[in-house]
Protein backbone atom coordinates (compact mmCIF):
# COMPACT_ATOMS: atom_id res chain seq x y z
CA UNK A 1 -98.48 84.97 -46.71
CA UNK A 2 -99.94 85.09 -42.97
CA UNK A 3 -96.77 83.30 -40.76
CA UNK A 4 -98.45 80.23 -37.96
CA UNK A 5 -97.05 82.83 -35.70
CA UNK A 6 -99.11 85.43 -36.66
CA UNK A 7 -101.99 83.24 -36.95
CA UNK A 8 -101.98 82.15 -33.12
CA UNK A 9 -101.76 85.55 -31.84
CA UNK A 10 -104.70 86.76 -29.89
CA UNK A 11 -106.25 89.45 -31.03
CA UNK A 12 -109.08 90.96 -28.51
CA UNK A 13 -112.19 92.64 -31.15
CA UNK A 14 -113.80 95.16 -29.06
CA UNK A 15 -116.92 96.99 -31.51
CA UNK A 16 -120.61 97.08 -29.31
CA UNK A 17 -121.66 96.37 -33.39
CA UNK A 18 -122.57 92.73 -33.99
CA UNK A 19 -122.17 93.35 -37.12
CA UNK A 20 -118.80 95.38 -37.15
CA UNK A 21 -117.28 91.87 -34.91
CA UNK A 22 -118.81 89.49 -37.37
CA UNK A 23 -117.24 91.31 -40.04
CA UNK A 24 -114.51 91.44 -38.79
CA UNK A 25 -113.96 88.18 -38.30
CA UNK A 26 -114.72 87.14 -41.35
CA UNK A 27 -111.90 88.89 -42.49
CA UNK A 28 -109.20 87.89 -40.36
CA UNK A 29 -110.22 83.85 -40.44
CA UNK A 30 -110.34 83.59 -43.46
CA UNK A 31 -106.66 85.31 -43.44
CA UNK A 32 -105.85 82.22 -41.84
CA UNK A 33 -105.84 84.01 -37.80
CA UNK A 34 -107.74 81.77 -35.08
CA UNK A 35 -106.75 82.99 -32.33
CA UNK A 36 -109.93 85.91 -32.30
CA UNK A 37 -111.90 87.26 -28.82
CA UNK A 38 -114.90 89.83 -29.47
CA UNK A 39 -116.20 91.97 -26.92
CA UNK A 40 -119.58 93.66 -27.32
CA UNK A 41 -119.87 95.09 -23.83
CA UNK A 42 -116.74 98.03 -22.90
CA UNK A 43 -117.15 97.39 -19.51
CA UNK A 44 -115.84 93.64 -20.24
CA UNK A 45 -112.51 94.60 -21.98
CA UNK A 46 -110.55 94.40 -18.92
CA UNK A 47 -111.73 91.23 -17.65
CA UNK A 48 -110.80 89.54 -20.87
CA UNK A 49 -107.65 90.80 -21.35
CA UNK A 50 -106.58 89.45 -18.37
CA UNK A 51 -107.82 86.07 -19.58
CA UNK A 52 -104.72 85.00 -21.03
CA UNK A 53 -101.59 87.10 -22.84
CA UNK A 54 -103.09 89.67 -25.92
CA UNK A 55 -101.18 90.46 -29.17
CA UNK A 56 -103.72 92.75 -30.52
CA UNK A 57 -106.73 95.52 -29.77
CA UNK A 58 -108.60 96.57 -32.30
CA UNK A 59 -110.93 99.15 -30.84
CA UNK A 60 -114.57 100.90 -31.20
CA UNK A 61 -114.21 104.60 -30.13
CA UNK A 62 -117.92 105.74 -29.60
CA UNK A 63 -119.67 102.59 -28.00
CA UNK A 64 -122.61 103.08 -24.63
CA UNK A 65 -121.48 102.69 -21.17
CA UNK A 66 -117.44 103.43 -21.91
CA UNK A 67 -115.85 105.35 -24.80
CA UNK A 68 -112.89 103.71 -26.78
CA UNK A 69 -110.93 106.57 -24.71
CA UNK A 70 -112.22 105.39 -21.44
CA UNK A 71 -111.28 101.53 -22.26
CA UNK A 72 -108.10 102.42 -22.93
CA UNK A 73 -107.33 104.41 -19.65
CA UNK A 74 -108.50 101.04 -17.98
CA UNK A 75 -106.42 99.17 -19.71
CA UNK A 76 -102.99 101.10 -19.55
CA UNK A 77 -103.71 101.13 -15.40
CA UNK A 78 -103.02 97.62 -15.67
CA UNK A 79 -99.39 98.74 -15.98
CA UNK A 80 -98.40 96.10 -18.24
CA UNK A 81 -95.25 96.08 -19.82
CA UNK A 82 -96.39 94.19 -22.64
CA UNK A 83 -99.56 95.93 -23.49
CA UNK A 84 -100.16 95.44 -27.35
CA UNK A 85 -101.30 98.26 -29.72
CA UNK A 86 -104.45 99.27 -29.88
CA UNK A 87 -105.84 99.81 -33.79
CA UNK A 88 -108.48 102.08 -33.58
CA UNK A 89 -112.11 101.59 -35.48
CA UNK A 90 -113.27 104.84 -36.11
CA UNK A 91 -115.25 106.60 -39.03
CA UNK A 92 -114.06 109.90 -38.17
CA UNK A 93 -111.00 111.76 -39.24
CA UNK A 94 -108.93 114.81 -38.91
CA UNK A 95 -105.85 116.02 -37.48
CA UNK A 96 -107.82 116.43 -33.35
CA UNK A 97 -109.40 113.19 -33.67
CA UNK A 98 -105.68 111.39 -34.32
CA UNK A 99 -103.69 113.51 -31.71
CA UNK A 100 -106.42 112.49 -28.92
CA UNK A 101 -106.64 109.02 -29.83
CA UNK A 102 -103.02 108.71 -30.30
CA UNK A 103 -101.92 111.05 -27.02
CA UNK A 104 -104.55 108.34 -25.33
CA UNK A 105 -102.34 105.26 -26.05
CA UNK A 106 -103.27 104.09 -29.66
CA UNK A 107 -101.27 102.52 -31.97
CA UNK A 108 -102.83 103.49 -35.70
CA UNK A 109 -106.21 103.51 -37.37
CA UNK A 110 -108.62 102.01 -38.98
CA UNK A 111 -111.06 103.85 -40.98
CA UNK A 112 -114.82 101.95 -41.27
CA UNK A 113 -115.75 100.80 -42.97
CA UNK A 114 -113.25 98.42 -43.16
CA UNK A 115 -111.00 98.11 -46.06
CA UNK A 116 -109.83 94.61 -46.39
CA UNK A 117 -106.96 94.89 -47.45
CA UNK A 118 -105.94 98.08 -45.45
CA UNK A 119 -107.01 95.67 -42.54
CA UNK A 120 -105.08 92.88 -42.73
CA UNK A 121 -101.97 94.94 -43.63
CA UNK A 122 -102.12 96.80 -40.27
CA UNK A 123 -103.10 93.66 -38.87
CA UNK A 124 -100.08 92.44 -39.91
CA UNK A 125 -97.85 94.76 -39.34
CA UNK A 126 -99.01 95.54 -35.32
CA UNK A 127 -98.51 91.99 -34.82
CA UNK A 128 -94.99 92.23 -36.21
CA UNK A 129 -94.20 95.48 -33.81
CA UNK A 130 -95.51 93.48 -30.75
CA UNK A 131 -94.08 90.38 -31.69
CA UNK A 132 -90.76 92.20 -32.29
CA UNK A 133 -91.71 93.55 -28.60
CA UNK A 134 -92.23 90.46 -26.52
CA UNK A 135 -88.63 89.52 -28.24
CA UNK A 136 -87.21 92.43 -26.29
CA UNK A 137 -89.12 92.47 -23.51
CA UNK A 138 -87.73 88.79 -23.20
CA UNK A 139 -83.61 89.53 -23.70
CA UNK A 140 -84.07 92.85 -21.28
CA UNK A 141 -84.96 90.25 -18.52
CA UNK A 142 -82.30 87.88 -19.51
CA UNK A 143 -80.13 90.77 -19.59
CA UNK A 144 -80.98 92.25 -16.07
CA UNK A 145 -81.13 88.64 -14.35
CA UNK A 146 -77.53 88.50 -15.94
CA UNK A 147 -76.66 91.68 -14.11
CA UNK A 148 -77.53 90.74 -11.22
CA UNK A 149 -75.39 87.94 -11.17
CA UNK A 150 -71.87 90.02 -11.57
CA UNK A 151 -69.29 87.49 -13.12
CA UNK A 152 -67.16 88.94 -15.80
CA UNK A 153 -68.97 85.93 -17.79
CA UNK A 154 -72.58 87.87 -17.52
CA UNK A 155 -71.64 91.41 -17.93
CA UNK A 156 -69.50 90.35 -21.28
CA UNK A 157 -73.11 88.69 -22.62
CA UNK A 158 -75.15 91.62 -20.81
CA UNK A 159 -73.50 94.11 -23.63
CA UNK A 160 -73.57 91.89 -26.13
CA UNK A 161 -77.60 91.50 -25.77
CA UNK A 162 -77.78 95.37 -25.18
CA UNK A 163 -75.74 95.75 -28.70
CA UNK A 164 -77.77 93.43 -30.79
CA UNK A 165 -81.35 94.98 -28.59
CA UNK A 166 -79.64 98.20 -30.73
CA UNK A 167 -78.88 96.62 -33.57
CA UNK A 168 -82.34 95.41 -34.04
CA UNK A 169 -84.25 98.72 -34.22
CA UNK A 170 -81.61 99.10 -37.11
CA UNK A 171 -82.50 96.16 -39.37
CA UNK A 172 -85.99 97.26 -39.32
CA UNK A 173 -85.07 101.43 -40.29
CA UNK A 174 -82.19 101.22 -43.53
CA UNK A 175 -79.85 101.77 -41.12
CA UNK A 176 -76.56 99.46 -40.74
CA UNK A 177 -74.90 97.47 -37.86
CA UNK A 178 -72.18 100.04 -38.15
CA UNK A 179 -74.71 102.95 -37.54
CA UNK A 180 -74.89 102.38 -33.85
CA UNK A 181 -70.97 100.92 -33.14
CA UNK A 182 -69.76 104.62 -34.84
CA UNK A 183 -72.43 106.66 -32.90
CA UNK A 184 -71.76 105.26 -29.62
CA UNK A 185 -68.11 105.04 -29.83
CA UNK A 186 -68.50 108.80 -31.20
CA UNK A 187 -70.82 109.55 -27.99
CA UNK A 188 -68.61 107.57 -25.76
CA UNK A 189 -65.43 110.04 -27.32
CA UNK A 190 -67.72 113.29 -27.49
CA UNK A 191 -68.29 112.51 -23.85
CA UNK A 192 -65.12 111.43 -22.02
CA UNK A 193 -64.24 115.28 -23.86
CA UNK A 194 -66.58 117.43 -21.61
CA UNK A 195 -65.36 115.56 -18.34
CA UNK A 196 -67.60 112.16 -17.86
CA UNK A 197 -65.13 109.69 -16.14
CA UNK A 198 -63.94 106.05 -17.66
CA UNK A 199 -67.19 103.89 -15.85
CA UNK A 200 -70.09 107.04 -17.25
CA UNK A 201 -68.27 106.86 -20.95
CA UNK A 202 -68.30 103.31 -20.57
CA UNK A 203 -72.37 103.50 -19.77
CA UNK A 204 -73.36 106.15 -22.60
CA UNK A 205 -71.00 103.65 -24.97
CA UNK A 206 -73.19 100.73 -24.89
CA UNK A 207 -76.65 102.84 -23.41
CA UNK A 208 -76.90 104.98 -27.33
CA UNK A 209 -77.31 102.02 -29.15
CA UNK A 210 -80.71 101.57 -28.41
CA UNK A 211 -81.63 105.15 -28.68
CA UNK A 212 -84.02 104.01 -31.45
CA UNK A 213 -85.27 100.70 -29.96
CA UNK A 214 -88.65 102.16 -30.20
CA UNK A 215 -88.68 101.96 -33.69
CA UNK A 216 -90.13 97.87 -33.57
CA UNK A 217 -92.84 99.25 -32.35
CA UNK A 218 -93.59 101.46 -35.32
CA UNK A 219 -95.45 99.97 -38.29
CA UNK A 220 -93.57 99.25 -41.56
CA UNK A 221 -95.60 100.65 -43.59
CA UNK A 222 -94.32 104.21 -42.35
CA UNK A 223 -91.32 103.75 -40.98
CA UNK A 224 -90.09 102.13 -43.78
CA UNK A 225 -92.13 104.35 -46.78
CA UNK A 226 -89.86 106.00 -49.01
CA UNK A 227 -91.81 109.17 -49.79
CA UNK A 228 -92.60 112.21 -47.41
CA UNK A 229 -94.41 111.67 -43.92
CA UNK A 230 -98.16 112.75 -44.14
CA UNK A 231 -98.70 114.59 -41.22
CA UNK A 232 -100.21 112.20 -38.84
CA UNK A 233 -97.83 109.64 -40.02
CA UNK A 234 -95.11 111.73 -38.58
CA UNK A 235 -96.94 112.23 -35.41
CA UNK A 236 -97.13 107.88 -35.38
CA UNK A 237 -93.27 108.19 -36.33
CA UNK A 238 -92.17 110.51 -33.08
CA UNK A 239 -94.28 108.27 -31.38
CA UNK A 240 -90.89 106.33 -31.27
CA UNK A 241 -89.41 107.92 -28.84
CA UNK A 242 -91.88 107.13 -25.96
CA UNK A 243 -91.78 103.35 -26.84
CA UNK A 244 -88.76 103.24 -26.43
CA UNK A 245 -88.76 105.38 -23.17
CA UNK A 246 -91.54 102.01 -22.43
CA UNK A 247 -89.32 99.52 -23.30
CA UNK A 248 -87.15 100.81 -21.01
CA UNK A 249 -88.70 101.75 -18.02
CA UNK A 250 -88.32 100.27 -14.62
CA UNK A 251 -84.92 99.47 -14.97
CA UNK A 252 -82.42 98.46 -12.29
CA UNK A 253 -79.21 99.25 -13.97
CA UNK A 254 -77.93 102.68 -14.59
CA UNK A 255 -77.06 101.56 -18.49
CA UNK A 256 -80.64 100.91 -19.34
CA UNK A 257 -81.28 103.68 -17.10
CA UNK A 258 -78.90 105.86 -19.29
CA UNK A 259 -80.55 104.28 -22.55
CA UNK A 260 -83.73 104.88 -21.36
CA UNK A 261 -83.21 108.93 -21.39
CA UNK A 262 -81.34 109.03 -24.45
CA UNK A 263 -84.43 107.14 -26.29
CA UNK A 264 -86.31 109.75 -24.66
CA UNK A 265 -84.31 112.45 -25.53
CA UNK A 266 -82.60 112.62 -28.35
CA UNK A 267 -84.95 114.19 -30.86
CA UNK A 268 -85.35 117.18 -28.24
CA UNK A 269 -83.62 120.70 -29.94
CA UNK A 270 -81.91 123.16 -27.81
CA UNK A 271 -84.02 126.03 -28.90
CA UNK A 272 -87.25 123.71 -27.47
CA UNK A 273 -88.75 122.81 -30.50
CA UNK A 274 -88.33 118.94 -31.13
CA UNK A 275 -90.58 116.18 -29.72
CA UNK A 276 -91.62 114.39 -27.53
CA UNK A 277 -91.95 117.62 -24.60
CA UNK A 278 -90.25 120.56 -26.55
CA UNK A 279 -87.59 120.83 -23.62
CA UNK A 280 -85.25 123.49 -24.32
CA UNK A 281 -81.56 123.91 -23.67
CA UNK A 282 -79.94 122.78 -20.74
CA UNK A 283 -82.86 120.74 -19.61
CA UNK A 284 -82.28 118.41 -21.94
CA UNK A 285 -80.36 115.81 -20.71
CA UNK A 286 -76.61 116.20 -21.19
CA UNK A 287 -76.68 112.54 -22.80
CA UNK A 288 -79.32 112.78 -24.75
CA UNK A 289 -77.61 116.04 -26.23
CA UNK A 290 -74.23 114.05 -27.04
CA UNK A 291 -76.27 111.38 -28.65
CA UNK A 292 -78.58 114.11 -31.04
CA UNK A 293 -74.90 114.57 -32.14
CA UNK A 294 -73.60 111.80 -32.93
CA UNK A 295 -76.53 110.52 -34.11
CA UNK A 296 -77.32 113.12 -36.54
CA UNK A 297 -73.45 113.95 -37.78
CA UNK A 298 -73.27 109.81 -38.79
CA UNK A 299 -76.58 110.24 -40.06
CA UNK A 300 -75.29 112.58 -42.72
CA UNK A 301 -71.99 111.13 -43.53
CA UNK A 302 -73.67 107.89 -44.08
CA UNK A 303 -74.61 106.66 -47.61
CA UNK A 304 -78.00 104.57 -47.61
CA UNK A 305 -80.83 103.17 -50.17
CA UNK A 306 -81.99 106.46 -49.96
CA UNK A 307 -79.18 109.20 -50.66
CA UNK A 308 -76.10 109.29 -50.97
CA UNK A 309 -73.24 110.44 -48.08
CA UNK A 310 -72.87 113.90 -47.58
CA UNK A 311 -68.99 115.05 -47.78
CA UNK A 312 -67.94 115.40 -44.20
CA UNK A 313 -67.33 119.85 -44.67
CA UNK A 314 -71.14 119.82 -45.27
CA UNK A 315 -72.40 117.56 -42.76
CA UNK A 316 -69.74 119.64 -40.15
CA UNK A 317 -71.57 123.03 -42.38
CA UNK A 318 -74.76 121.82 -41.40
CA UNK A 319 -73.84 120.90 -37.07
CA UNK A 320 -71.83 124.54 -36.81
CA UNK A 321 -75.44 126.30 -38.85
CA UNK A 322 -77.70 124.58 -36.48
CA UNK A 323 -75.11 124.87 -33.13
CA UNK A 324 -77.62 127.66 -30.92
CA UNK A 325 -80.95 126.03 -32.52
CA UNK A 326 -80.82 121.98 -32.76
CA UNK A 327 -77.96 121.11 -31.06
CA UNK A 328 -76.15 122.58 -27.73
CA UNK A 329 -73.65 125.34 -29.07
CA UNK A 330 -70.89 124.16 -26.44
CA UNK A 331 -71.39 120.42 -27.31
CA UNK A 332 -70.73 121.64 -30.98
CA UNK A 333 -67.82 122.78 -30.57
CA UNK A 334 -66.30 120.69 -28.65
CA UNK A 335 -67.41 118.02 -31.36
CA UNK A 336 -65.74 119.95 -33.49
CA UNK A 337 -62.46 119.71 -31.51
CA UNK A 338 -62.26 116.04 -31.85
CA UNK A 339 -63.61 115.40 -35.15
CA UNK A 340 -60.20 113.91 -36.39
CA UNK A 341 -60.59 111.03 -33.63
CA UNK A 342 -64.45 111.23 -35.13
CA UNK A 343 -63.70 110.26 -38.17
CA UNK A 344 -60.80 107.52 -37.11
CA UNK A 345 -63.70 106.25 -35.48
CA UNK A 346 -66.00 106.27 -38.98
CA UNK A 347 -63.26 104.90 -40.54
CA UNK A 348 -62.84 102.08 -38.49
CA UNK A 349 -66.22 100.95 -38.33
CA UNK A 350 -66.91 101.25 -41.85
CA UNK A 351 -69.79 100.31 -43.93
CA UNK A 352 -68.83 97.14 -45.57
CA UNK A 353 -69.61 97.92 -49.76
């Protein structure tokens, strides 16, 4: 059932073929969507977009005057922090096309000829992501305003908002709220052990829960898929680090600056085989290297609906085996030195049964 918030969402339909626009309008209106804006001339997209906030864009690629890639470039040049998801309408397929569209800024794809159920599912999922983004953006603005006021009450409120932002992503991804508590305290402990100041440890403690905040921008059909992801779905899933960095971009506080660094780099690997930028060794920011170890260790030792918890000994062996490939080997050694304290943290914030 489509919610009233979804039905009121402004959806921009861009296609040079009138028949395609009429079909899209008919399917969406039948589902209850009322705020539909159709654009047949791609040269008018930016002007139409600026008229009022838009929640979703369905965009054809092959059009006269401006193709879909050029339209996306114009839209992203607006630097709108609440840029809505762009879903490409296309009869094309193949990895090269998908990669080009994703790199241009597309979030998802709808194949032509349109399948009604696929269309409505993707629209609903993308609107879920955009509504979450709007809520997160509002919370971020509130947070930064509170930081500027510099009172004890403000600081307390700020950290609570940050924690809730981090937990918001976990609840969409079969994770628990306790995961971010265990992971963030482990990050702070590891940071302190290698010489971070008390203030720096506090920052990483409160920044690391937002490592997966970008997952609020990933479709539920991919995020909660029980089976193995296809190569195309894996590309979309991996884009959560870019979405997270974009959400946290432009922050005026050190805390959110570090949070952005962690969100962007916690899936990079020591040997350069990670993503999104294939950074290698010490080119990976230290905060990202710390978070990678803490996040993986907790994921391995935690039970989830789709897996049993690994024994601590097996999780430790995994870290050691991947030291020098996935993980910073020096940090893995330090992590082993403080393992008893890490396990104390896990016990303190263990999942409720």
